[in-house]
Amino acid sequence: MKILWLDDLRNPYINLEGNVPKEDGIIEWVLNFEQFTQWITKFGLPDIISFDHDLADVDKNNEGIVVHYQEKTGMDCAKWLVNYCIDNNKKLPRFYVHSANPVGSKNIESLLNNFIKHAKNS
């Protein structure tokens, strides 16, 4: 079983708590939107995705100075995932939201549950 863990801070190997998957399997840890989209594009959909909402993308130059900062959230990842599933005629994998951001969590869950509901009615 392949589990994709999206979180920029919490290490999935020591932070499995709450409603996140505790099943046997390989956990792949991605930290941001770019890694999330690249992983799925390269390897395909995992069996389970566990989302954090608040993610930070920071680019630094060779001297370690921040030259670009733009936050892409777990919601951006969820939107991308919905489009990926539509474009590739794929079923959405099982998902969890382990974010500490209650509003962000609800938004991700609502988007993905609405997509599932729409896909069943199509």
Protein backbone atom coordinates (compact mmCIF):
# COMPACT_ATOMS: atom_id res chain seq x y z
CA MET A 1 0.00 0.00 0.00
CA LYS A 2 1.37 3.41 -1.01
CA ILE A 3 0.55 6.40 1.23
CA LEU A 4 1.38 9.95 0.13
CA TRP A 5 1.88 12.27 3.13
CA LEU A 6 1.70 16.00 2.33
CA ASP A 7 3.15 18.14 5.12
CA ASP A 8 5.96 20.68 5.32
CA LEU A 9 6.62 20.18 9.05
CA ARG A 10 5.25 16.97 10.51
CA ASN A 11 7.35 13.90 9.88
CA PRO A 12 4.98 11.04 8.99
CA TYR A 13 7.31 8.46 10.47
CA ILE A 14 6.96 9.93 13.97
CA ASN A 15 3.68 11.88 13.76
CA LEU A 16 1.03 9.37 12.78
CA GLU A 17 -1.85 10.46 14.97
CA GLY A 18 -5.52 11.34 14.84
CA ASN A 19 -7.35 10.26 11.71
CA VAL A 20 -4.29 9.59 9.53
CA PRO A 21 -3.71 6.15 8.03
CA LYS A 22 -2.04 3.60 10.27
CA GLU A 23 -2.05 0.80 7.74
CA ASP A 24 0.97 -1.14 6.65
CA GLY A 25 2.55 0.37 3.60
CA ILE A 26 5.15 2.62 2.19
CA ILE A 27 4.82 6.24 3.21
CA GLU A 28 6.10 8.79 0.71
CA TRP A 29 6.63 12.23 2.28
CA VAL A 30 6.22 15.34 0.13
CA LEU A 31 6.66 18.82 1.57
CA ASN A 32 4.96 21.18 -0.88
CA PHE A 33 2.80 21.62 -3.96
CA GLU A 34 5.67 21.09 -6.39
CA GLN A 35 6.78 17.82 -4.81
CA PHE A 36 3.15 16.65 -4.57
CA THR A 37 2.42 17.23 -8.26
CA GLN A 38 5.78 15.87 -9.39
CA TRP A 39 5.39 12.69 -7.34
CA ILE A 40 1.93 11.91 -8.70
CA THR A 41 2.93 12.80 -12.25
CA LYS A 42 5.92 10.44 -12.03
CA PHE A 43 4.48 7.53 -10.03
CA GLY A 44 0.71 7.83 -10.47
CA LEU A 45 -1.90 7.93 -7.75
CA PRO A 46 -1.11 6.36 -4.38
CA ASP A 47 -3.64 4.28 -2.47
CA ILE A 48 -4.07 6.98 0.19
CA ILE A 49 -3.23 10.68 0.46
CA SER A 50 -3.07 12.49 3.79
CA PHE A 51 -3.24 16.29 3.46
CA ASP A 52 -1.91 19.16 5.51
CA HIS A 53 -3.37 22.54 4.59
CA ASP A 54 -0.73 25.14 5.45
CA LEU A 55 2.40 24.64 3.33
CA ALA A 56 5.20 27.08 2.65
CA ASP A 57 7.25 27.26 -0.55
CA VAL A 58 10.50 29.09 -0.06
CA ASP A 59 13.21 29.49 -2.70
CA LYS A 60 16.69 30.52 -1.62
CA ASN A 61 19.67 31.62 -3.69
CA ASN A 62 23.15 30.08 -3.40
CA GLU A 63 23.88 32.23 -0.35
CA GLY A 64 20.79 30.95 1.46
CA ILE A 65 18.87 34.21 1.11
CA VAL A 66 15.14 33.93 0.49
CA VAL A 67 14.45 35.26 -3.00
CA HIS A 68 10.88 34.04 -3.46
CA TYR A 69 8.12 33.06 -1.08
CA GLN A 70 4.67 31.92 -2.08
CA GLU A 71 2.41 29.74 -0.05
CA LYS A 72 0.63 27.01 -1.94
CA THR A 73 -1.67 25.15 0.35
CA GLY A 74 -2.98 21.64 0.64
CA MET A 75 -6.14 23.05 -0.97
CA ASP A 76 -4.10 23.91 -4.07
CA CYS A 77 -2.87 20.31 -4.06
CA ALA A 78 -6.42 19.01 -3.70
CA LYS A 79 -7.62 21.16 -6.62
CA TRP A 80 -4.73 19.94 -8.75
CA LEU A 81 -5.56 16.35 -7.76
CA VAL A 82 -9.19 16.73 -8.84
CA ASN A 83 -8.08 18.07 -12.23
CA TYR A 84 -5.51 15.27 -12.56
CA CYS A 85 -8.22 12.66 -11.90
CA ILE A 86 -10.58 14.28 -14.41
CA ASP A 87 -7.90 14.66 -17.10
CA ASN A 88 -6.66 11.08 -16.67
CA ASN A 89 -10.05 9.43 -16.01
CA LYS A 90 -8.88 8.23 -12.59
CA LYS A 91 -10.76 7.55 -9.39
CA LEU A 92 -9.80 9.72 -6.43
CA PRO A 93 -7.73 7.74 -3.92
CA ARG A 94 -8.77 7.44 -0.29
CA PHE A 95 -7.83 10.56 1.59
CA TYR A 96 -7.42 11.99 5.06
CA VAL A 97 -6.84 15.55 6.20
CA HIS A 98 -4.51 15.78 9.20
CA SER A 99 -4.11 19.58 9.17
CA ALA A 100 -4.33 21.63 12.35
CA ASN A 101 -6.13 24.35 10.36
CA PRO A 102 -9.85 23.60 10.87
CA VAL A 103 -11.12 25.88 8.09
CA GLY A 104 -8.52 24.63 5.63
CA SER A 105 -9.29 21.02 6.59
CA LYS A 106 -13.00 21.50 6.01
CA ASN A 107 -12.37 23.14 2.63
CA ILE A 108 -10.18 20.26 1.43
CA GLU A 109 -12.66 17.65 2.67
CA SER A 110 -15.60 19.48 1.06
CA LEU A 111 -13.84 19.78 -2.30
CA LEU A 112 -12.81 16.13 -2.42
CA ASN A 113 -16.13 14.78 -1.10
CA ASN A 114 -18.03 16.89 -3.65
CA PHE A 115 -15.82 15.52 -6.42
CA ILE A 116 -16.53 11.96 -5.27
CA LYS A 117 -20.26 12.68 -5.13
CA HIS A 118 -20.20 14.26 -8.61
CA ALA A 119 -18.18 11.37 -10.06
CA LYS A 120 -20.73 8.85 -8.73
CA ASN A 121 -23.59 10.77 -10.33
CA SER A 122 -21.91 11.07 -13.73
